[in-house]
């Protein structure tokens, strides 16, 4: 956490030096700060921060890929004369145990077009999801478990 805060300080210092607080300047400042911290790594020892940055980027990239893929599927179904949607509700068993893990998984599923998190069981072991394309419930369940939930778990743990 301290390294992340230090990286943010370096990012703001970069923006002050350049006299510009645009998103591209802040992004480049974050990268320069990250590289500076990486280069000075022997001064403060091993840290999970450097791997965490890549895991967060991986989760964001996977979410954007899933967002685009599902958006195309939904738009295609809406614009074509024949509808391929087979809506249904499935139960997804959760590996996530902490509130943050469950919340992030459920929200990322809901933000993806064609899926919506409906409820969580009282024992917090099952997430109920409505899917627009539930031709094969087991395939959708596996896709959500191996995709979104696995990446969330890798990122937050």
N, C-alpha and C. Protein backbone atom coordinates (compact mmCIF):
# COMPACT_ATOMS: atom_id res chain seq x y z
N UNK A 1 0.83 -1.19 0.00
CA UNK A 1 0.00 0.00 0.00
C UNK A 1 0.88 1.26 0.00
N UNK A 2 1.97 1.20 0.75
CA UNK A 2 2.86 2.35 0.81
C UNK A 2 3.50 2.60 -0.55
N UNK A 3 3.86 1.52 -1.25
CA UNK A 3 4.46 1.70 -2.58
C UNK A 3 3.46 2.29 -3.57
N UNK A 4 2.20 1.89 -3.45
CA UNK A 4 1.18 2.47 -4.33
C UNK A 4 1.03 3.97 -4.06
N UNK A 5 1.00 4.34 -2.80
CA UNK A 5 0.88 5.76 -2.46
C UNK A 5 2.11 6.54 -2.95
N UNK A 6 3.28 5.93 -2.80
CA UNK A 6 4.50 6.56 -3.29
C UNK A 6 4.47 6.70 -4.81
N UNK A 7 3.93 5.70 -5.48
CA UNK A 7 3.79 5.76 -6.93
C UNK A 7 2.85 6.90 -7.33
N UNK A 8 1.78 7.09 -6.58
CA UNK A 8 0.86 8.20 -6.86
C UNK A 8 1.54 9.55 -6.64
N UNK A 9 2.36 9.65 -5.60
CA UNK A 9 3.11 10.89 -5.34
C UNK A 9 4.06 11.17 -6.50
N UNK A 10 4.75 10.14 -6.96
CA UNK A 10 5.66 10.31 -8.11
C UNK A 10 4.89 10.70 -9.37
N UNK A 11 3.69 10.15 -9.54
CA UNK A 11 2.86 10.50 -10.69
C UNK A 11 2.49 11.99 -10.65
N UNK A 12 2.06 12.47 -9.50
CA UNK A 12 1.69 13.88 -9.36
C UNK A 12 2.92 14.77 -9.53
N UNK A 13 4.05 14.35 -8.99
CA UNK A 13 5.29 15.13 -9.16
C UNK A 13 5.66 15.23 -10.64
N UNK A 14 5.48 14.15 -11.38
CA UNK A 14 5.74 14.14 -12.83
C UNK A 14 4.83 15.17 -13.52
N UNK A 15 3.56 15.17 -13.15
CA UNK A 15 2.62 16.10 -13.76
C UNK A 15 2.97 17.55 -13.41
N UNK A 16 3.41 17.77 -12.18
CA UNK A 16 3.82 19.13 -11.79
C UNK A 16 5.05 19.57 -12.58
N UNK A 17 6.01 18.67 -12.75
CA UNK A 17 7.21 19.00 -13.52
C UNK A 17 6.88 19.36 -14.96
N UNK A 18 5.91 18.62 -15.54
CA UNK A 18 5.54 18.89 -16.93
C UNK A 18 4.51 20.02 -17.05
N UNK A 19 3.89 20.40 -15.92
CA UNK A 19 2.91 21.48 -15.95
C UNK A 19 1.62 21.11 -16.65
N UNK A 20 1.27 19.83 -16.64
CA UNK A 20 0.07 19.36 -17.32
C UNK A 20 -0.54 18.23 -16.50
N UNK A 21 -1.83 18.32 -16.23
CA UNK A 21 -2.52 17.29 -15.45
C UNK A 21 -3.51 16.51 -16.31
N UNK A 22 -3.21 16.35 -17.59
CA UNK A 22 -4.05 15.55 -18.47
C UNK A 22 -3.90 14.07 -18.15
N UNK A 23 -4.83 13.28 -18.63
CA UNK A 23 -4.82 11.85 -18.31
C UNK A 23 -3.59 11.14 -18.89
N UNK A 24 -3.13 11.60 -20.05
CA UNK A 24 -1.95 10.97 -20.65
C UNK A 24 -0.68 11.28 -19.84
N UNK A 25 -0.60 12.50 -19.34
CA UNK A 25 0.54 12.88 -18.49
C UNK A 25 0.51 12.10 -17.18
N UNK A 26 -0.67 11.98 -16.58
CA UNK A 26 -0.78 11.22 -15.34
C UNK A 26 -0.46 9.75 -15.56
N UNK A 27 -0.91 9.20 -16.67
CA UNK A 27 -0.61 7.80 -16.97
C UNK A 27 0.89 7.60 -17.17
N UNK A 28 1.51 8.49 -17.93
CA UNK A 28 2.95 8.36 -18.14
C UNK A 28 3.70 8.58 -16.83
N UNK A 29 3.21 9.47 -15.98
CA UNK A 29 3.82 9.67 -14.67
C UNK A 29 3.71 8.44 -13.79
N UNK A 30 2.58 7.75 -13.88
CA UNK A 30 2.42 6.51 -13.12
C UNK A 30 3.41 5.45 -13.60
N UNK A 31 3.57 5.35 -14.92
CA UNK A 31 4.52 4.37 -15.49
C UNK A 31 5.95 4.73 -15.10
N UNK A 32 6.31 6.00 -15.20
CA UNK A 32 7.67 6.42 -14.83
C UNK A 32 7.91 6.17 -13.34
N UNK A 33 6.91 6.47 -12.50
CA UNK A 33 7.03 6.21 -11.07
C UNK A 33 7.16 4.72 -10.78
N UNK A 34 6.39 3.91 -11.49
CA UNK A 34 6.47 2.45 -11.33
C UNK A 34 7.86 1.95 -11.68
N UNK A 35 8.39 2.42 -12.79
CA UNK A 35 9.74 2.01 -13.21
C UNK A 35 10.81 2.48 -12.22
N UNK A 36 10.63 3.67 -11.69
CA UNK A 36 11.59 4.18 -10.70
C UNK A 36 11.54 3.33 -9.43
N UNK A 37 10.35 2.98 -8.99
CA UNK A 37 10.23 2.12 -7.82
C UNK A 37 10.78 0.72 -8.09
N UNK A 38 10.56 0.24 -9.29
CA UNK A 38 11.08 -1.08 -9.66
C UNK A 38 12.61 -1.07 -9.67
N UNK A 39 13.19 0.01 -10.16
CA UNK A 39 14.65 0.13 -10.20
C UNK A 39 15.24 0.24 -8.80
N UNK A 40 14.50 0.84 -7.88
CA UNK A 40 15.01 1.01 -6.52
C UNK A 40 14.53 -0.10 -5.59
N UNK A 41 14.05 -1.19 -6.14
CA UNK A 41 13.51 -2.31 -5.37
C UNK A 41 14.49 -2.87 -4.32
N UNK A 42 15.78 -2.96 -4.60
CA UNK A 42 16.69 -3.49 -3.58
C UNK A 42 16.73 -2.66 -2.28
N UNK A 43 16.31 -1.42 -2.34
CA UNK A 43 16.35 -0.57 -1.15
C UNK A 43 15.31 -0.96 -0.10
N UNK A 44 14.19 -1.52 -0.51
CA UNK A 44 13.11 -1.81 0.45
C UNK A 44 12.68 -3.27 0.43
N UNK A 45 13.33 -4.11 -0.32
CA UNK A 45 13.06 -5.55 -0.27
C UNK A 45 11.90 -5.98 -1.15
N UNK A 46 11.57 -7.26 -1.05
CA UNK A 46 10.50 -7.79 -1.90
C UNK A 46 9.13 -7.21 -1.55
N UNK A 47 8.30 -7.08 -2.55
CA UNK A 47 6.97 -6.53 -2.36
C UNK A 47 6.00 -7.16 -3.36
N UNK A 48 4.75 -7.31 -2.94
CA UNK A 48 3.72 -7.85 -3.83
C UNK A 48 3.18 -6.78 -4.78
N UNK A 49 3.54 -5.54 -4.56
CA UNK A 49 2.99 -4.43 -5.34
C UNK A 49 3.23 -4.58 -6.83
N UNK A 50 4.43 -4.98 -7.22
CA UNK A 50 4.77 -5.03 -8.64
C UNK A 50 3.96 -6.09 -9.38
N UNK A 51 3.71 -7.22 -8.75
CA UNK A 51 2.85 -8.23 -9.35
C UNK A 51 1.40 -7.81 -9.35
N UNK A 52 0.99 -7.09 -8.30
CA UNK A 52 -0.41 -6.66 -8.19
C UNK A 52 -0.79 -5.71 -9.32
N UNK A 53 0.14 -4.85 -9.70
CA UNK A 53 -0.15 -3.92 -10.80
C UNK A 53 -0.47 -4.70 -12.07
N UNK A 54 0.30 -5.73 -12.36
CA UNK A 54 0.05 -6.54 -13.56
C UNK A 54 -1.24 -7.34 -13.45
N UNK A 55 -1.58 -7.82 -12.25
CA UNK A 55 -2.83 -8.56 -12.07
C UNK A 55 -4.04 -7.64 -12.27
N UNK A 56 -3.96 -6.42 -11.77
CA UNK A 56 -5.06 -5.46 -11.96
C UNK A 56 -5.21 -5.13 -13.45
N UNK A 57 -4.09 -4.92 -14.13
CA UNK A 57 -4.14 -4.66 -15.57
C UNK A 57 -4.71 -5.86 -16.33
N UNK A 58 -4.35 -7.06 -15.90
CA UNK A 58 -4.89 -8.27 -16.52
C UNK A 58 -6.39 -8.39 -16.32
N UNK A 59 -6.88 -8.09 -15.12
CA UNK A 59 -8.32 -8.12 -14.85
C UNK A 59 -9.03 -7.06 -15.69
N UNK A 60 -8.47 -5.87 -15.76
CA UNK A 60 -9.08 -4.80 -16.56
C UNK A 60 -9.12 -5.18 -18.04
N UNK A 61 -8.03 -5.75 -18.53
CA UNK A 61 -7.99 -6.18 -19.93
C UNK A 61 -8.99 -7.28 -20.22
N UNK A 62 -9.09 -8.26 -19.32
CA UNK A 62 -10.06 -9.34 -19.50
C UNK A 62 -11.48 -8.79 -19.48
N UNK A 63 -11.76 -7.87 -18.54
CA UNK A 63 -13.09 -7.28 -18.47
C UNK A 63 -13.43 -6.53 -19.75
N UNK A 64 -12.48 -5.74 -20.26
CA UNK A 64 -12.74 -5.00 -21.51
C UNK A 64 -12.96 -5.95 -22.68
N UNK A 65 -12.19 -7.03 -22.75
CA UNK A 65 -12.39 -8.04 -23.79
C UNK A 65 -13.78 -8.67 -23.66
N UNK A 66 -14.16 -9.07 -22.45
CA UNK A 66 -15.46 -9.69 -22.23
C UNK A 66 -16.59 -8.70 -22.51
N UNK A 67 -16.37 -7.44 -22.17
CA UNK A 67 -17.35 -6.39 -22.43
C UNK A 67 -17.59 -6.23 -23.93
N UNK A 68 -16.51 -6.19 -24.70
CA UNK A 68 -16.64 -6.03 -26.15
C UNK A 68 -17.28 -7.28 -26.79
N UNK A 69 -16.84 -8.46 -26.36
CA UNK A 69 -17.37 -9.71 -26.92
C UNK A 69 -18.87 -9.82 -26.65
N UNK A 70 -19.28 -9.57 -25.43
CA UNK A 70 -20.70 -9.71 -25.10
C UNK A 70 -21.53 -8.58 -25.71
N UNK A 71 -20.96 -7.39 -25.84
CA UNK A 71 -21.68 -6.29 -26.48
C UNK A 71 -21.99 -6.61 -27.93
N UNK A 72 -21.01 -7.19 -28.62
CA UNK A 72 -21.23 -7.58 -30.02
C UNK A 72 -22.32 -8.64 -30.11
N UNK A 73 -22.32 -9.61 -29.19
CA UNK A 73 -23.34 -10.66 -29.21
C UNK A 73 -24.73 -10.08 -28.97
N UNK A 74 -24.86 -9.16 -28.02
CA UNK A 74 -26.16 -8.56 -27.72
C UNK A 74 -26.62 -7.69 -28.88
N UNK A 75 -25.72 -6.87 -29.43
CA UNK A 75 -26.09 -6.02 -30.57
C UNK A 75 -26.49 -6.87 -31.77
N UNK A 76 -25.77 -7.92 -32.04
CA UNK A 76 -26.09 -8.81 -33.15
C UNK A 76 -27.48 -9.41 -32.97
N UNK A 77 -27.79 -9.83 -31.74
CA UNK A 77 -29.10 -10.43 -31.48
C UNK A 77 -30.23 -9.40 -31.63
N UNK A 78 -29.96 -8.18 -31.25
CA UNK A 78 -30.99 -7.13 -31.35
C UNK A 78 -31.21 -6.72 -32.80
N UNK A 79 -30.14 -6.61 -33.58
CA UNK A 79 -30.25 -6.08 -34.94
C UNK A 79 -30.67 -7.12 -35.99
N UNK A 80 -30.46 -8.39 -35.74
CA UNK A 80 -30.83 -9.40 -36.72
C UNK A 80 -32.30 -9.78 -36.54
N UNK A 81 -32.94 -10.20 -37.65
CA UNK A 81 -34.36 -10.54 -37.56
C UNK A 81 -34.64 -11.76 -36.67
N UNK A 82 -33.74 -12.73 -36.68
CA UNK A 82 -33.96 -13.90 -35.84
C UNK A 82 -33.22 -13.71 -34.51
N UNK A 83 -33.91 -14.03 -33.44
CA UNK A 83 -33.32 -13.86 -32.12
C UNK A 83 -32.72 -15.18 -31.64
N UNK A 84 -31.48 -15.10 -31.15
CA UNK A 84 -30.79 -16.29 -30.68
C UNK A 84 -30.74 -16.35 -29.15
N UNK A 85 -31.34 -15.37 -28.51
CA UNK A 85 -31.31 -15.32 -27.05
C UNK A 85 -32.13 -16.46 -26.46
N UNK A 86 -31.54 -17.11 -25.50
CA UNK A 86 -32.20 -18.14 -24.71
C UNK A 86 -31.97 -17.78 -23.25
N UNK A 87 -32.77 -16.83 -22.72
CA UNK A 87 -32.52 -16.36 -21.36
C UNK A 87 -32.75 -17.45 -20.33
N UNK A 88 -32.03 -17.32 -19.23
CA UNK A 88 -32.18 -18.26 -18.14
C UNK A 88 -31.44 -17.77 -16.90
N UNK A 89 -31.73 -18.45 -15.81
CA UNK A 89 -31.09 -18.13 -14.54
C UNK A 89 -30.29 -19.36 -14.11
N UNK A 90 -29.02 -19.12 -13.77
CA UNK A 90 -28.16 -20.22 -13.35
C UNK A 90 -27.57 -19.93 -11.98
N UNK A 91 -27.21 -20.98 -11.29
CA UNK A 91 -26.53 -20.87 -10.00
C UNK A 91 -25.04 -21.08 -10.24
N UNK A 92 -24.25 -20.12 -9.82
CA UNK A 92 -22.80 -20.21 -9.97
C UNK A 92 -22.19 -20.42 -8.59
N UNK A 93 -21.59 -21.59 -8.33
CA UNK A 93 -20.95 -21.79 -7.03
C UNK A 93 -19.72 -20.89 -6.91
N UNK A 94 -19.60 -20.25 -5.77
CA UNK A 94 -18.53 -19.27 -5.57
C UNK A 94 -17.34 -19.86 -4.81
N UNK A 95 -16.16 -19.52 -5.27
CA UNK A 95 -14.95 -19.81 -4.54
C UNK A 95 -14.62 -18.62 -3.64
N UNK A 96 -15.05 -17.43 -4.07
CA UNK A 96 -14.81 -16.20 -3.31
C UNK A 96 -15.50 -16.30 -1.95
N UNK A 97 -14.81 -15.81 -0.92
CA UNK A 97 -15.37 -15.88 0.43
C UNK A 97 -15.53 -14.51 1.07
N UNK A 98 -14.64 -13.59 0.76
CA UNK A 98 -14.68 -12.27 1.39
C UNK A 98 -15.70 -11.38 0.67
N UNK A 99 -16.21 -10.40 1.40
CA UNK A 99 -17.21 -9.50 0.84
C UNK A 99 -16.72 -8.78 -0.40
N UNK A 100 -15.48 -8.29 -0.37
CA UNK A 100 -14.93 -7.57 -1.51
C UNK A 100 -14.81 -8.44 -2.75
N UNK A 101 -14.38 -9.67 -2.57
CA UNK A 101 -14.24 -10.60 -3.70
C UNK A 101 -15.60 -10.89 -4.33
N UNK A 102 -16.59 -11.15 -3.48
CA UNK A 102 -17.94 -11.46 -3.97
C UNK A 102 -18.54 -10.24 -4.66
N UNK A 103 -18.39 -9.07 -4.03
CA UNK A 103 -18.95 -7.84 -4.60
C UNK A 103 -18.32 -7.52 -5.96
N UNK A 104 -16.99 -7.61 -6.06
CA UNK A 104 -16.32 -7.29 -7.31
C UNK A 104 -16.72 -8.28 -8.41
N UNK A 105 -16.78 -9.56 -8.07
CA UNK A 105 -17.20 -10.57 -9.05
C UNK A 105 -18.62 -10.30 -9.53
N UNK A 106 -19.54 -10.09 -8.60
CA UNK A 106 -20.94 -9.86 -8.96
C UNK A 106 -21.11 -8.59 -9.79
N UNK A 107 -20.39 -7.53 -9.42
CA UNK A 107 -20.53 -6.27 -10.15
C UNK A 107 -19.94 -6.35 -11.55
N UNK A 108 -18.80 -7.00 -11.70
CA UNK A 108 -18.21 -7.14 -13.04
C UNK A 108 -19.09 -8.01 -13.93
N UNK A 109 -19.72 -9.03 -13.37
CA UNK A 109 -20.66 -9.85 -14.14
C UNK A 109 -21.85 -9.01 -14.57
N UNK A 110 -22.36 -8.17 -13.66
CA UNK A 110 -23.51 -7.33 -13.99
C UNK A 110 -23.19 -6.25 -15.01
N UNK A 111 -21.95 -5.77 -15.02
CA UNK A 111 -21.56 -4.74 -15.98
C UNK A 111 -21.38 -5.29 -17.39
N UNK A 112 -21.26 -6.60 -17.51
CA UNK A 112 -21.09 -7.22 -18.81
C UNK A 112 -22.46 -7.40 -19.46
N UNK A 113 -22.69 -6.87 -20.66
CA UNK A 113 -23.99 -7.01 -21.32
C UNK A 113 -24.37 -8.49 -21.50
N UNK A 114 -25.63 -8.78 -21.24
CA UNK A 114 -26.12 -10.14 -21.40
C UNK A 114 -26.11 -10.95 -20.12
N UNK A 115 -25.52 -10.43 -19.05
CA UNK A 115 -25.54 -11.11 -17.77
C UNK A 115 -25.88 -10.12 -16.67
N UNK A 116 -26.52 -10.64 -15.63
CA UNK A 116 -26.91 -9.80 -14.51
C UNK A 116 -26.88 -10.63 -13.24
N UNK A 117 -26.14 -10.17 -12.24
CA UNK A 117 -26.12 -10.85 -10.95
C UNK A 117 -27.43 -10.52 -10.23
N UNK A 118 -28.14 -11.55 -9.83
CA UNK A 118 -29.44 -11.35 -9.21
C UNK A 118 -29.39 -11.38 -7.69
N UNK A 119 -28.75 -12.41 -7.16
CA UNK A 119 -28.77 -12.59 -5.71
C UNK A 119 -27.62 -13.50 -5.30
N UNK A 120 -27.35 -13.47 -4.02
CA UNK A 120 -26.37 -14.38 -3.44
C UNK A 120 -27.08 -15.18 -2.36
N UNK A 121 -26.76 -16.44 -2.28
CA UNK A 121 -27.42 -17.31 -1.30
C UNK A 121 -27.07 -16.85 0.11
N UNK A 122 -27.93 -17.17 1.09
CA UNK A 122 -27.65 -16.77 2.47
C UNK A 122 -26.31 -17.30 3.01
N UNK A 123 -25.87 -18.46 2.54
CA UNK A 123 -24.58 -18.99 3.01
C UNK A 123 -23.40 -18.44 2.21
N UNK A 124 -23.66 -17.56 1.24
CA UNK A 124 -22.66 -16.86 0.42
C UNK A 124 -21.79 -17.82 -0.39
N UNK A 125 -22.37 -18.94 -0.77
CA UNK A 125 -21.65 -19.94 -1.56
C UNK A 125 -22.13 -19.99 -3.01
N UNK A 126 -23.27 -19.34 -3.30
CA UNK A 126 -23.86 -19.42 -4.64
C UNK A 126 -24.29 -18.03 -5.09
N UNK A 127 -23.94 -17.69 -6.33
CA UNK A 127 -24.37 -16.45 -6.95
C UNK A 127 -25.37 -16.80 -8.04
N UNK A 128 -26.53 -16.19 -7.98
CA UNK A 128 -27.56 -16.42 -8.99
C UNK A 128 -27.41 -15.38 -10.09
N UNK A 129 -27.28 -15.85 -11.32
CA UNK A 129 -27.00 -14.98 -12.47
C UNK A 129 -28.05 -15.21 -13.55
N UNK A 130 -28.58 -14.11 -14.08
CA UNK A 130 -29.46 -14.18 -15.25
C UNK A 130 -28.58 -13.98 -16.48
N UNK A 131 -28.71 -14.89 -17.42
CA UNK A 131 -27.95 -14.79 -18.66
C UNK A 131 -28.88 -14.65 -19.85
N UNK A 132 -28.47 -13.88 -20.82
CA UNK A 132 -29.27 -13.70 -22.02
C UNK A 132 -29.12 -14.87 -22.98
N UNK A 133 -27.93 -15.48 -22.98
CA UNK A 133 -27.65 -16.60 -23.87
C UNK A 133 -27.27 -17.82 -23.02
N UNK A 134 -28.27 -18.58 -22.60
CA UNK A 134 -28.03 -19.74 -21.74
C UNK A 134 -28.40 -21.01 -22.50
N UNK A 135 -27.76 -21.19 -23.66
CA UNK A 135 -27.97 -22.42 -24.43
C UNK A 135 -27.44 -23.61 -23.64
N UNK A 136 -26.28 -23.43 -23.02
CA UNK A 136 -25.66 -24.48 -22.23
C UNK A 136 -25.33 -23.89 -20.86
N UNK A 137 -26.17 -24.16 -19.85
CA UNK A 137 -25.93 -23.57 -18.51
C UNK A 137 -24.56 -23.92 -17.94
N UNK A 138 -24.10 -25.15 -18.18
CA UNK A 138 -22.79 -25.54 -17.64
C UNK A 138 -21.65 -24.75 -18.29
N UNK A 139 -21.78 -24.47 -19.58
CA UNK A 139 -20.74 -23.69 -20.27
C UNK A 139 -20.71 -22.26 -19.75
N UNK A 140 -21.87 -21.65 -19.52
CA UNK A 140 -21.91 -20.29 -18.99
C UNK A 140 -21.36 -20.27 -17.57
N UNK A 141 -21.74 -21.23 -16.76
CA UNK A 141 -21.24 -21.34 -15.39
C UNK A 141 -19.71 -21.47 -15.38
N UNK A 142 -19.20 -22.33 -16.24
CA UNK A 142 -17.74 -22.53 -16.33
C UNK A 142 -17.06 -21.25 -16.82
N UNK A 143 -17.68 -20.58 -17.78
CA UNK A 143 -17.11 -19.34 -18.30
C UNK A 143 -17.01 -18.27 -17.21
N UNK A 144 -18.04 -18.15 -16.39
CA UNK A 144 -18.03 -17.15 -15.31
C UNK A 144 -17.03 -17.53 -14.22
N UNK A 145 -16.95 -18.81 -13.88
CA UNK A 145 -16.03 -19.26 -12.84
C UNK A 145 -14.57 -19.15 -13.29
N UNK A 146 -14.28 -19.67 -14.49
CA UNK A 146 -12.90 -19.68 -14.99
C UNK A 146 -12.46 -18.32 -15.51
N UNK A 147 -13.41 -17.47 -15.83
CA UNK A 147 -13.09 -16.15 -16.38
C UNK A 147 -13.05 -15.09 -15.29
N UNK A 148 -14.22 -14.52 -15.04
CA UNK A 148 -14.29 -13.36 -14.16
C UNK A 148 -13.91 -13.68 -12.72
N UNK A 149 -14.50 -14.73 -12.15
CA UNK A 149 -14.23 -15.01 -10.74
C UNK A 149 -12.75 -15.37 -10.51
N UNK A 150 -12.20 -16.19 -11.37
CA UNK A 150 -10.79 -16.58 -11.20
C UNK A 150 -9.87 -15.37 -11.27
N UNK A 151 -10.12 -14.48 -12.21
CA UNK A 151 -9.26 -13.30 -12.34
C UNK A 151 -9.44 -12.33 -11.16
N UNK A 152 -10.66 -12.22 -10.67
CA UNK A 152 -10.88 -11.38 -9.48
C UNK A 152 -10.12 -11.95 -8.30
N UNK A 153 -10.21 -13.28 -8.13
CA UNK A 153 -9.52 -13.93 -7.01
C UNK A 153 -8.01 -13.75 -7.13
N UNK A 154 -7.46 -13.88 -8.32
CA UNK A 154 -6.02 -13.69 -8.52
C UNK A 154 -5.61 -12.25 -8.20
N UNK A 155 -6.48 -11.32 -8.50
CA UNK A 155 -6.15 -9.91 -8.31
C UNK A 155 -6.20 -9.49 -6.84
N UNK A 156 -7.22 -9.92 -6.13
CA UNK A 156 -7.39 -9.42 -4.76
C UNK A 156 -6.65 -10.23 -3.71
N UNK A 157 -6.23 -11.42 -4.04
CA UNK A 157 -5.52 -12.25 -3.03
C UNK A 157 -4.03 -12.11 -3.14
